[in-house]
ModelCIF file with pLDDT and N, C-alpha, C, O atoms, coordinates in Angstrom:
data_MODEL
#
_entry.id   MODEL 
#
_entity.id                         1 
_entity.type                       polymer 
_entity.pdbx_number_of_molecules   1 
#
_entity_poly.entity_id                      1 
_entity_poly.type                           'polypeptide(L)' 
_entity_poly.nstd_linkage                   no 
_entity_poly.nstd_monomer                   no 
_entity_poly.pdbx_seq_one_letter_code       
;(UNK)(UNK)(UNK)(UNK)(UNK)(UNK)(UNK)(UNK)(UNK)(UNK)(UNK)(UNK)(UNK)(UNK)(UNK)(UNK)
(UNK)(UNK)(UNK)(UNK)(UNK)(UNK)(UNK)(UNK)(UNK)(UNK)(UNK)(UNK)(UNK)(UNK)(UNK)(UNK)
(UNK)(UNK)(UNK)(UNK)(UNK)(UNK)(UNK)(UNK)(UNK)(UNK)(UNK)(UNK)
;
_entity_poly.pdbx_seq_one_letter_code_can   XXXXXXXXXXXXXXXXXXXXXXXXXXXXXXXXXXXXXXXXXXXX 
_entity_poly.pdbx_strand_id                 A 
#
loop_
_entity_poly_seq.entity_id 
_entity_poly_seq.num 
_entity_poly_seq.mon_id 
_entity_poly_seq.hetero 
1 1  UNK n 
1 2  UNK n 
1 3  UNK n 
1 4  UNK n 
1 5  UNK n 
1 6  UNK n 
1 7  UNK n 
1 8  UNK n 
1 9  UNK n 
1 10 UNK n 
1 11 UNK n 
1 12 UNK n 
1 13 UNK n 
1 14 UNK n 
1 15 UNK n 
1 16 UNK n 
1 17 UNK n 
1 18 UNK n 
1 19 UNK n 
1 20 UNK n 
1 21 UNK n 
1 22 UNK n 
1 23 UNK n 
1 24 UNK n 
1 25 UNK n 
1 26 UNK n 
1 27 UNK n 
1 28 UNK n 
1 29 UNK n 
1 30 UNK n 
1 31 UNK n 
1 32 UNK n 
1 33 UNK n 
1 34 UNK n 
1 35 UNK n 
1 36 UNK n 
1 37 UNK n 
1 38 UNK n 
1 39 UNK n 
1 40 UNK n 
1 41 UNK n 
1 42 UNK n 
1 43 UNK n 
1 44 UNK n 
#
_struct_asym.id          A 
_struct_asym.entity_id   1 
#
loop_
_ma_qa_metric.id 
_ma_qa_metric.mode 
_ma_qa_metric.name 
_ma_qa_metric.software_group_id 
_ma_qa_metric.type 
1 global pLDDT . pLDDT 
2 local  pLDDT . pLDDT 
#
_ma_qa_metric_global.metric_id      1 
_ma_qa_metric_global.metric_value   95.05 
_ma_qa_metric_global.model_id       1 
_ma_qa_metric_global.ordinal_id     1 
#
loop_
_ma_qa_metric_local.label_asym_id 
_ma_qa_metric_local.label_comp_id 
_ma_qa_metric_local.label_seq_id 
_ma_qa_metric_local.metric_id 
_ma_qa_metric_local.metric_value 
_ma_qa_metric_local.model_id 
_ma_qa_metric_local.ordinal_id 
A UNK 1  2 91.00 1 1  
A UNK 2  2 96.00 1 2  
A UNK 3  2 97.00 1 3  
A UNK 4  2 98.00 1 4  
A UNK 5  2 98.00 1 5  
A UNK 6  2 97.00 1 6  
A UNK 7  2 97.00 1 7  
A UNK 8  2 95.00 1 8  
A UNK 9  2 95.00 1 9  
A UNK 10 2 93.00 1 10 
A UNK 11 2 93.00 1 11 
A UNK 12 2 92.00 1 12 
A UNK 13 2 93.00 1 13 
A UNK 14 2 93.00 1 14 
A UNK 15 2 95.00 1 15 
A UNK 16 2 95.00 1 16 
A UNK 17 2 96.00 1 17 
A UNK 18 2 97.00 1 18 
A UNK 19 2 96.00 1 19 
A UNK 20 2 97.00 1 20 
A UNK 21 2 97.00 1 21 
A UNK 22 2 96.00 1 22 
A UNK 23 2 96.00 1 23 
A UNK 24 2 97.00 1 24 
A UNK 25 2 96.00 1 25 
A UNK 26 2 96.00 1 26 
A UNK 27 2 97.00 1 27 
A UNK 28 2 96.00 1 28 
A UNK 29 2 96.00 1 29 
A UNK 30 2 95.00 1 30 
A UNK 31 2 94.00 1 31 
A UNK 32 2 95.00 1 32 
A UNK 33 2 94.00 1 33 
A UNK 34 2 89.00 1 34 
A UNK 35 2 89.00 1 35 
A UNK 36 2 90.00 1 36 
A UNK 37 2 93.00 1 37 
A UNK 38 2 96.00 1 38 
A UNK 39 2 97.00 1 39 
A UNK 40 2 97.00 1 40 
A UNK 41 2 98.00 1 41 
A UNK 42 2 97.00 1 42 
A UNK 43 2 95.00 1 43 
A UNK 44 2 92.00 1 44 
#
loop_
_atom_site.group_PDB 
_atom_site.id 
_atom_site.type_symbol 
_atom_site.label_atom_id 
_atom_site.label_alt_id 
_atom_site.label_comp_id 
_atom_site.label_asym_id 
_atom_site.label_entity_id 
_atom_site.label_seq_id 
_atom_site.pdbx_PDB_ins_code 
_atom_site.Cartn_x 
_atom_site.Cartn_y 
_atom_site.Cartn_z 
_atom_site.occupancy 
_atom_site.B_iso_or_equiv 
_atom_site.pdbx_formal_charge 
_atom_site.auth_seq_id 
_atom_site.auth_comp_id 
_atom_site.auth_asym_id 
_atom_site.auth_atom_id 
_atom_site.pdbx_PDB_model_num 
ATOM 1   N N  . UNK A 1 1  ? -17.638 29.729 70.632 1.00 91.00 ? 1  UNK A N  1 
ATOM 2   C CA . UNK A 1 1  ? -17.980 28.276 70.774 1.00 91.00 ? 1  UNK A CA 1 
ATOM 3   C C  . UNK A 1 1  ? -19.262 27.844 69.948 1.00 91.00 ? 1  UNK A C  1 
ATOM 4   O O  . UNK A 1 1  ? -20.127 27.151 70.484 1.00 91.00 ? 1  UNK A O  1 
ATOM 5   N N  . UNK A 1 2  ? -19.361 28.232 68.737 1.00 96.00 ? 2  UNK A N  1 
ATOM 6   C CA . UNK A 1 2  ? -20.474 27.812 67.921 1.00 96.00 ? 2  UNK A CA 1 
ATOM 7   C C  . UNK A 1 2  ? -19.997 26.896 66.815 1.00 96.00 ? 2  UNK A C  1 
ATOM 8   O O  . UNK A 1 2  ? -18.788 26.685 66.723 1.00 96.00 ? 2  UNK A O  1 
ATOM 9   N N  . UNK A 1 3  ? -20.787 26.371 66.025 1.00 97.00 ? 3  UNK A N  1 
ATOM 10  C CA . UNK A 1 3  ? -20.403 25.428 64.968 1.00 97.00 ? 3  UNK A CA 1 
ATOM 11  C C  . UNK A 1 3  ? -21.033 25.948 63.625 1.00 97.00 ? 3  UNK A C  1 
ATOM 12  O O  . UNK A 1 3  ? -22.212 26.301 63.586 1.00 97.00 ? 3  UNK A O  1 
ATOM 13  N N  . UNK A 1 4  ? -20.254 25.983 62.583 1.00 98.00 ? 4  UNK A N  1 
ATOM 14  C CA . UNK A 1 4  ? -20.702 26.359 61.265 1.00 98.00 ? 4  UNK A CA 1 
ATOM 15  C C  . UNK A 1 4  ? -20.116 25.420 60.226 1.00 98.00 ? 4  UNK A C  1 
ATOM 16  O O  . UNK A 1 4  ? -18.902 25.230 60.148 1.00 98.00 ? 4  UNK A O  1 
ATOM 17  N N  . UNK A 1 5  ? -21.034 24.816 59.402 1.00 98.00 ? 5  UNK A N  1 
ATOM 18  C CA . UNK A 1 5  ? -20.552 23.856 58.423 1.00 98.00 ? 5  UNK A CA 1 
ATOM 19  C C  . UNK A 1 5  ? -20.978 24.277 57.008 1.00 98.00 ? 5  UNK A C  1 
ATOM 20  O O  . UNK A 1 5  ? -21.943 25.016 56.813 1.00 98.00 ? 5  UNK A O  1 
ATOM 21  N N  . UNK A 1 6  ? -20.194 23.757 56.014 1.00 97.00 ? 6  UNK A N  1 
ATOM 22  C CA . UNK A 1 6  ? -20.491 24.008 54.624 1.00 97.00 ? 6  UNK A CA 1 
ATOM 23  C C  . UNK A 1 6  ? -20.687 22.653 54.071 1.00 97.00 ? 6  UNK A C  1 
ATOM 24  O O  . UNK A 1 6  ? -19.806 21.802 54.192 1.00 97.00 ? 6  UNK A O  1 
ATOM 25  N N  . UNK A 1 7  ? -21.881 22.401 53.429 1.00 97.00 ? 7  UNK A N  1 
ATOM 26  C CA . UNK A 1 7  ? -22.119 21.047 52.844 1.00 97.00 ? 7  UNK A CA 1 
ATOM 27  C C  . UNK A 1 7  ? -22.607 21.365 51.405 1.00 97.00 ? 7  UNK A C  1 
ATOM 28  O O  . UNK A 1 7  ? -23.320 22.337 51.156 1.00 97.00 ? 7  UNK A O  1 
ATOM 29  N N  . UNK A 1 8  ? -22.180 20.494 50.490 1.00 95.00 ? 8  UNK A N  1 
ATOM 30  C CA . UNK A 1 8  ? -22.635 20.518 49.141 1.00 95.00 ? 8  UNK A CA 1 
ATOM 31  C C  . UNK A 1 8  ? -22.957 19.079 48.699 1.00 95.00 ? 8  UNK A C  1 
ATOM 32  O O  . UNK A 1 8  ? -22.314 18.127 49.141 1.00 95.00 ? 8  UNK A O  1 
ATOM 33  N N  . UNK A 1 9  ? -23.956 18.940 47.829 1.00 95.00 ? 9  UNK A N  1 
ATOM 34  C CA . UNK A 1 9  ? -24.368 17.680 47.420 1.00 95.00 ? 9  UNK A CA 1 
ATOM 35  C C  . UNK A 1 9  ? -25.082 17.680 46.058 1.00 95.00 ? 9  UNK A C  1 
ATOM 36  O O  . UNK A 1 9  ? -25.589 18.733 45.674 1.00 95.00 ? 9  UNK A O  1 
ATOM 37  N N  . UNK A 1 10 ? -25.153 16.635 45.344 1.00 93.00 ? 10 UNK A N  1 
ATOM 38  C CA . UNK A 1 10 ? -25.990 16.478 44.210 1.00 93.00 ? 10 UNK A CA 1 
ATOM 39  C C  . UNK A 1 10 ? -27.231 15.714 44.503 1.00 93.00 ? 10 UNK A C  1 
ATOM 40  O O  . UNK A 1 10 ? -28.018 15.434 43.600 1.00 93.00 ? 10 UNK A O  1 
ATOM 41  N N  . UNK A 1 11 ? -27.439 15.353 45.802 1.00 93.00 ? 11 UNK A N  1 
ATOM 42  C CA . UNK A 1 11 ? -28.600 14.705 46.304 1.00 93.00 ? 11 UNK A CA 1 
ATOM 43  C C  . UNK A 1 11 ? -29.824 15.533 46.048 1.00 93.00 ? 11 UNK A C  1 
ATOM 44  O O  . UNK A 1 11 ? -29.692 16.751 45.931 1.00 93.00 ? 11 UNK A O  1 
ATOM 45  N N  . UNK A 1 12 ? -31.009 14.972 45.951 1.00 92.00 ? 12 UNK A N  1 
ATOM 46  C CA . UNK A 1 12 ? -32.316 15.755 45.831 1.00 92.00 ? 12 UNK A CA 1 
ATOM 47  C C  . UNK A 1 12 ? -32.256 16.865 46.834 1.00 92.00 ? 12 UNK A C  1 
ATOM 48  O O  . UNK A 1 12 ? -32.014 16.624 48.017 1.00 92.00 ? 12 UNK A O  1 
ATOM 49  N N  . UNK A 1 13 ? -32.488 18.170 46.353 1.00 93.00 ? 13 UNK A N  1 
ATOM 50  C CA . UNK A 1 13 ? -32.348 19.252 47.180 1.00 93.00 ? 13 UNK A CA 1 
ATOM 51  C C  . UNK A 1 13 ? -33.232 19.251 48.531 1.00 93.00 ? 13 UNK A C  1 
ATOM 52  O O  . UNK A 1 13 ? -32.745 19.539 49.624 1.00 93.00 ? 13 UNK A O  1 
ATOM 53  N N  . UNK A 1 14 ? -34.426 18.937 48.360 1.00 93.00 ? 14 UNK A N  1 
ATOM 54  C CA . UNK A 1 14 ? -35.276 18.921 49.478 1.00 93.00 ? 14 UNK A CA 1 
ATOM 55  C C  . UNK A 1 14 ? -34.818 18.049 50.537 1.00 93.00 ? 14 UNK A C  1 
ATOM 56  O O  . UNK A 1 14 ? -34.880 18.418 51.710 1.00 93.00 ? 14 UNK A O  1 
ATOM 57  N N  . UNK A 1 15 ? -34.323 16.814 50.174 1.00 95.00 ? 15 UNK A N  1 
ATOM 58  C CA . UNK A 1 15 ? -33.851 15.832 51.245 1.00 95.00 ? 15 UNK A CA 1 
ATOM 59  C C  . UNK A 1 15 ? -32.565 16.232 51.757 1.00 95.00 ? 15 UNK A C  1 
ATOM 60  O O  . UNK A 1 15 ? -32.375 16.055 52.960 1.00 95.00 ? 15 UNK A O  1 
ATOM 61  N N  . UNK A 1 16 ? -31.532 16.804 50.972 1.00 95.00 ? 16 UNK A N  1 
ATOM 62  C CA . UNK A 1 16 ? -30.295 17.154 51.315 1.00 95.00 ? 16 UNK A CA 1 
ATOM 63  C C  . UNK A 1 16 ? -30.393 18.432 52.293 1.00 95.00 ? 16 UNK A C  1 
ATOM 64  O O  . UNK A 1 16 ? -29.724 18.453 53.326 1.00 95.00 ? 16 UNK A O  1 
ATOM 65  N N  . UNK A 1 17 ? -31.115 19.334 51.993 1.00 96.00 ? 17 UNK A N  1 
ATOM 66  C CA . UNK A 1 17 ? -31.376 20.544 52.763 1.00 96.00 ? 17 UNK A CA 1 
ATOM 67  C C  . UNK A 1 17 ? -31.895 20.236 54.100 1.00 96.00 ? 17 UNK A C  1 
ATOM 68  O O  . UNK A 1 17 ? -31.391 20.752 55.097 1.00 96.00 ? 17 UNK A O  1 
ATOM 69  N N  . UNK A 1 18 ? -32.895 19.407 54.166 1.00 97.00 ? 18 UNK A N  1 
ATOM 70  C CA . UNK A 1 18 ? -33.544 18.956 55.422 1.00 97.00 ? 18 UNK A CA 1 
ATOM 71  C C  . UNK A 1 18 ? -32.452 18.300 56.296 1.00 97.00 ? 18 UNK A C  1 
ATOM 72  O O  . UNK A 1 18 ? -32.400 18.594 57.490 1.00 97.00 ? 18 UNK A O  1 
ATOM 73  N N  . UNK A 1 19 ? -31.577 17.422 55.755 1.00 96.00 ? 19 UNK A N  1 
ATOM 74  C CA . UNK A 1 19 ? -30.623 16.726 56.474 1.00 96.00 ? 19 UNK A CA 1 
ATOM 75  C C  . UNK A 1 19 ? -29.554 17.634 56.913 1.00 96.00 ? 19 UNK A C  1 
ATOM 76  O O  . UNK A 1 19 ? -29.144 17.612 58.073 1.00 96.00 ? 19 UNK A O  1 
ATOM 77  N N  . UNK A 1 20 ? -29.056 18.493 55.954 1.00 97.00 ? 20 UNK A N  1 
ATOM 78  C CA . UNK A 1 20 ? -27.859 19.239 56.302 1.00 97.00 ? 20 UNK A CA 1 
ATOM 79  C C  . UNK A 1 20 ? -28.224 20.482 57.303 1.00 97.00 ? 20 UNK A C  1 
ATOM 80  O O  . UNK A 1 20 ? -27.372 20.963 58.050 1.00 97.00 ? 20 UNK A O  1 
ATOM 81  N N  . UNK A 1 21 ? -29.480 20.924 57.249 1.00 97.00 ? 21 UNK A N  1 
ATOM 82  C CA . UNK A 1 21 ? -29.947 21.987 58.199 1.00 97.00 ? 21 UNK A CA 1 
ATOM 83  C C  . UNK A 1 21 ? -30.550 21.405 59.442 1.00 97.00 ? 21 UNK A C  1 
ATOM 84  O O  . UNK A 1 21 ? -30.970 22.163 60.316 1.00 97.00 ? 21 UNK A O  1 
ATOM 85  N N  . UNK A 1 22 ? -30.615 20.113 59.570 1.00 96.00 ? 22 UNK A N  1 
ATOM 86  C CA . UNK A 1 22 ? -31.281 19.387 60.761 1.00 96.00 ? 22 UNK A CA 1 
ATOM 87  C C  . UNK A 1 22 ? -32.636 19.794 60.869 1.00 96.00 ? 22 UNK A C  1 
ATOM 88  O O  . UNK A 1 22 ? -33.067 20.082 61.985 1.00 96.00 ? 22 UNK A O  1 
ATOM 89  N N  . UNK A 1 23 ? -33.433 19.866 59.783 1.00 96.00 ? 23 UNK A N  1 
ATOM 90  C CA . UNK A 1 23 ? -34.859 20.151 59.863 1.00 96.00 ? 23 UNK A CA 1 
ATOM 91  C C  . UNK A 1 23 ? -35.349 21.508 59.905 1.00 96.00 ? 23 UNK A C  1 
ATOM 92  O O  . UNK A 1 23 ? -36.504 21.779 60.234 1.00 96.00 ? 23 UNK A O  1 
ATOM 93  N N  . UNK A 1 24 ? -34.350 22.495 59.523 1.00 97.00 ? 24 UNK A N  1 
ATOM 94  C CA . UNK A 1 24 ? -34.670 23.966 59.511 1.00 97.00 ? 24 UNK A CA 1 
ATOM 95  C C  . UNK A 1 24 ? -35.756 24.118 58.294 1.00 97.00 ? 24 UNK A C  1 
ATOM 96  O O  . UNK A 1 24 ? -35.767 23.296 57.378 1.00 97.00 ? 24 UNK A O  1 
ATOM 97  N N  . UNK A 1 25 ? -36.599 25.137 58.338 1.00 96.00 ? 25 UNK A N  1 
ATOM 98  C CA . UNK A 1 25 ? -37.524 25.328 57.390 1.00 96.00 ? 25 UNK A CA 1 
ATOM 99  C C  . UNK A 1 25 ? -37.233 26.788 56.634 1.00 96.00 ? 25 UNK A C  1 
ATOM 100 O O  . UNK A 1 25 ? -36.756 27.755 57.227 1.00 96.00 ? 25 UNK A O  1 
ATOM 101 N N  . UNK A 1 26 ? -37.569 26.782 55.345 1.00 96.00 ? 26 UNK A N  1 
ATOM 102 C CA . UNK A 1 26 ? -37.314 27.925 54.646 1.00 96.00 ? 26 UNK A CA 1 
ATOM 103 C C  . UNK A 1 26 ? -38.102 29.142 55.076 1.00 96.00 ? 26 UNK A C  1 
ATOM 104 O O  . UNK A 1 26 ? -39.252 29.026 55.501 1.00 96.00 ? 26 UNK A O  1 
ATOM 105 N N  . UNK A 1 27 ? -37.484 30.323 54.967 1.00 97.00 ? 27 UNK A N  1 
ATOM 106 C CA . UNK A 1 27 ? -38.197 31.616 55.196 1.00 97.00 ? 27 UNK A CA 1 
ATOM 107 C C  . UNK A 1 27 ? -38.383 32.266 53.909 1.00 97.00 ? 27 UNK A C  1 
ATOM 108 O O  . UNK A 1 27 ? -37.923 31.769 52.881 1.00 97.00 ? 27 UNK A O  1 
ATOM 109 N N  . UNK A 1 28 ? -39.101 33.461 53.923 1.00 96.00 ? 28 UNK A N  1 
ATOM 110 C CA . UNK A 1 28 ? -39.113 34.225 52.744 1.00 96.00 ? 28 UNK A CA 1 
ATOM 111 C C  . UNK A 1 28 ? -38.044 35.173 52.540 1.00 96.00 ? 28 UNK A C  1 
ATOM 112 O O  . UNK A 1 28 ? -38.068 35.971 51.603 1.00 96.00 ? 28 UNK A O  1 
ATOM 113 N N  . UNK A 1 29 ? -37.008 35.108 53.471 1.00 96.00 ? 29 UNK A N  1 
ATOM 114 C CA . UNK A 1 29 ? -35.918 36.055 53.363 1.00 96.00 ? 29 UNK A CA 1 
ATOM 115 C C  . UNK A 1 29 ? -34.745 35.461 52.496 1.00 96.00 ? 29 UNK A C  1 
ATOM 116 O O  . UNK A 1 29 ? -34.312 34.319 52.653 1.00 96.00 ? 29 UNK A O  1 
ATOM 117 N N  . UNK A 1 30 ? -34.312 36.299 51.628 1.00 95.00 ? 30 UNK A N  1 
ATOM 118 C CA . UNK A 1 30 ? -33.054 35.970 50.829 1.00 95.00 ? 30 UNK A CA 1 
ATOM 119 C C  . UNK A 1 30 ? -32.068 37.029 50.976 1.00 95.00 ? 30 UNK A C  1 
ATOM 120 O O  . UNK A 1 30 ? -32.401 38.200 51.161 1.00 95.00 ? 30 UNK A O  1 
ATOM 121 N N  . UNK A 1 31 ? -30.758 36.608 50.893 1.00 94.00 ? 31 UNK A N  1 
ATOM 122 C CA . UNK A 1 31 ? -29.696 37.573 51.166 1.00 94.00 ? 31 UNK A CA 1 
ATOM 123 C C  . UNK A 1 31 ? -28.711 37.510 49.830 1.00 94.00 ? 31 UNK A C  1 
ATOM 124 O O  . UNK A 1 31 ? -28.392 36.442 49.308 1.00 94.00 ? 31 UNK A O  1 
ATOM 125 N N  . UNK A 1 32 ? -28.334 38.630 49.420 1.00 95.00 ? 32 UNK A N  1 
ATOM 126 C CA . UNK A 1 32 ? -27.309 38.650 48.351 1.00 95.00 ? 32 UNK A CA 1 
ATOM 127 C C  . UNK A 1 32 ? -25.923 38.631 49.034 1.00 95.00 ? 32 UNK A C  1 
ATOM 128 O O  . UNK A 1 32 ? -25.493 39.594 49.669 1.00 95.00 ? 32 UNK A O  1 
ATOM 129 N N  . UNK A 1 33 ? -25.305 37.565 48.875 1.00 94.00 ? 33 UNK A N  1 
ATOM 130 C CA . UNK A 1 33 ? -23.884 37.317 49.449 1.00 94.00 ? 33 UNK A CA 1 
ATOM 131 C C  . UNK A 1 33 ? -22.931 36.844 48.343 1.00 94.00 ? 33 UNK A C  1 
ATOM 132 O O  . UNK A 1 33 ? -23.120 35.774 47.766 1.00 94.00 ? 33 UNK A O  1 
ATOM 133 N N  . UNK A 1 34 ? -21.946 37.624 48.068 1.00 89.00 ? 34 UNK A N  1 
ATOM 134 C CA . UNK A 1 34 ? -20.922 37.349 47.039 1.00 89.00 ? 34 UNK A CA 1 
ATOM 135 C C  . UNK A 1 34 ? -21.573 37.189 45.634 1.00 89.00 ? 34 UNK A C  1 
ATOM 136 O O  . UNK A 1 34 ? -21.173 36.365 44.811 1.00 89.00 ? 34 UNK A O  1 
ATOM 137 N N  . UNK A 1 35 ? -22.531 37.983 45.442 1.00 89.00 ? 35 UNK A N  1 
ATOM 138 C CA . UNK A 1 35 ? -23.232 37.980 44.079 1.00 89.00 ? 35 UNK A CA 1 
ATOM 139 C C  . UNK A 1 35 ? -24.148 36.860 43.838 1.00 89.00 ? 35 UNK A C  1 
ATOM 140 O O  . UNK A 1 35 ? -24.558 36.619 42.703 1.00 89.00 ? 35 UNK A O  1 
ATOM 141 N N  . UNK A 1 36 ? -24.496 36.140 44.899 1.00 90.00 ? 36 UNK A N  1 
ATOM 142 C CA . UNK A 1 36 ? -25.481 34.938 44.804 1.00 90.00 ? 36 UNK A CA 1 
ATOM 143 C C  . UNK A 1 36 ? -26.596 35.219 45.794 1.00 90.00 ? 36 UNK A C  1 
ATOM 144 O O  . UNK A 1 36 ? -26.439 35.908 46.802 1.00 90.00 ? 36 UNK A O  1 
ATOM 145 N N  . UNK A 1 37 ? -27.738 34.634 45.436 1.00 93.00 ? 37 UNK A N  1 
ATOM 146 C CA . UNK A 1 37 ? -28.968 34.795 46.334 1.00 93.00 ? 37 UNK A CA 1 
ATOM 147 C C  . UNK A 1 37 ? -29.090 33.525 47.160 1.00 93.00 ? 37 UNK A C  1 
ATOM 148 O O  . UNK A 1 37 ? -29.322 32.437 46.634 1.00 93.00 ? 37 UNK A O  1 
ATOM 149 N N  . UNK A 1 38 ? -28.929 33.691 48.466 1.00 96.00 ? 38 UNK A N  1 
ATOM 150 C CA . UNK A 1 38 ? -29.010 32.675 49.469 1.00 96.00 ? 38 UNK A CA 1 
ATOM 151 C C  . UNK A 1 38 ? -30.356 32.771 50.233 1.00 96.00 ? 38 UNK A C  1 
ATOM 152 O O  . UNK A 1 38 ? -30.737 33.865 50.650 1.00 96.00 ? 38 UNK A O  1 
ATOM 153 N N  . UNK A 1 39 ? -31.048 31.694 50.414 1.00 97.00 ? 39 UNK A N  1 
ATOM 154 C CA . UNK A 1 39 ? -32.307 31.676 51.137 1.00 97.00 ? 39 UNK A CA 1 
ATOM 155 C C  . UNK A 1 39 ? -32.039 31.297 52.580 1.00 97.00 ? 39 UNK A C  1 
ATOM 156 O O  . UNK A 1 39 ? -31.288 30.361 52.854 1.00 97.00 ? 39 UNK A O  1 
ATOM 157 N N  . UNK A 1 40 ? -32.683 32.060 53.551 1.00 97.00 ? 40 UNK A N  1 
ATOM 158 C CA . UNK A 1 40 ? -32.548 31.775 54.882 1.00 97.00 ? 40 UNK A CA 1 
ATOM 159 C C  . UNK A 1 40 ? -33.437 30.646 55.429 1.00 97.00 ? 40 UNK A C  1 
ATOM 160 O O  . UNK A 1 40 ? -34.625 30.625 55.109 1.00 97.00 ? 40 UNK A O  1 
ATOM 161 N N  . UNK A 1 41 ? -32.939 29.740 56.210 1.00 98.00 ? 41 UNK A N  1 
ATOM 162 C CA . UNK A 1 41 ? -33.778 28.648 56.781 1.00 98.00 ? 41 UNK A CA 1 
ATOM 163 C C  . UNK A 1 41 ? -33.542 28.833 58.324 1.00 98.00 ? 41 UNK A C  1 
ATOM 164 O O  . UNK A 1 41 ? -32.441 29.129 58.788 1.00 98.00 ? 41 UNK A O  1 
ATOM 165 N N  . UNK A 1 42 ? -34.655 28.635 59.066 1.00 97.00 ? 42 UNK A N  1 
ATOM 166 C CA . UNK A 1 42 ? -34.606 28.746 60.555 1.00 97.00 ? 42 UNK A CA 1 
ATOM 167 C C  . UNK A 1 42 ? -35.086 27.396 61.136 1.00 97.00 ? 42 UNK A C  1 
ATOM 168 O O  . UNK A 1 42 ? -36.030 26.768 60.658 1.00 97.00 ? 42 UNK A O  1 
ATOM 169 N N  . UNK A 1 43 ? -34.402 27.024 62.146 1.00 95.00 ? 43 UNK A N  1 
ATOM 170 C CA . UNK A 1 43 ? -34.694 25.748 62.829 1.00 95.00 ? 43 UNK A CA 1 
ATOM 171 C C  . UNK A 1 43 ? -34.412 25.750 64.317 1.00 95.00 ? 43 UNK A C  1 
ATOM 172 O O  . UNK A 1 43 ? -33.851 26.704 64.857 1.00 95.00 ? 43 UNK A O  1 
ATOM 173 N N  . UNK A 1 44 ? -34.790 24.717 64.943 1.00 92.00 ? 44 UNK A N  1 
ATOM 174 C CA . UNK A 1 44 ? -34.656 24.588 66.466 1.00 92.00 ? 44 UNK A CA 1 
ATOM 175 C C  . UNK A 1 44 ? -33.151 24.385 66.787 1.00 92.00 ? 44 UNK A C  1 
ATOM 176 O O  . UNK A 1 44 ? -32.781 24.254 67.953 1.00 92.00 ? 44 UNK A O  1 
#
């Protein structure tokens, strides 16, 4: 019973990430997933 969404946009990244992640903040942790480097964000 959890929710996971995928969102993509050409909007300014800082504004878009804040909106899509509902205010989560970037961490120093990155993950290699599917040959791409993803940054972890944690939020309330």
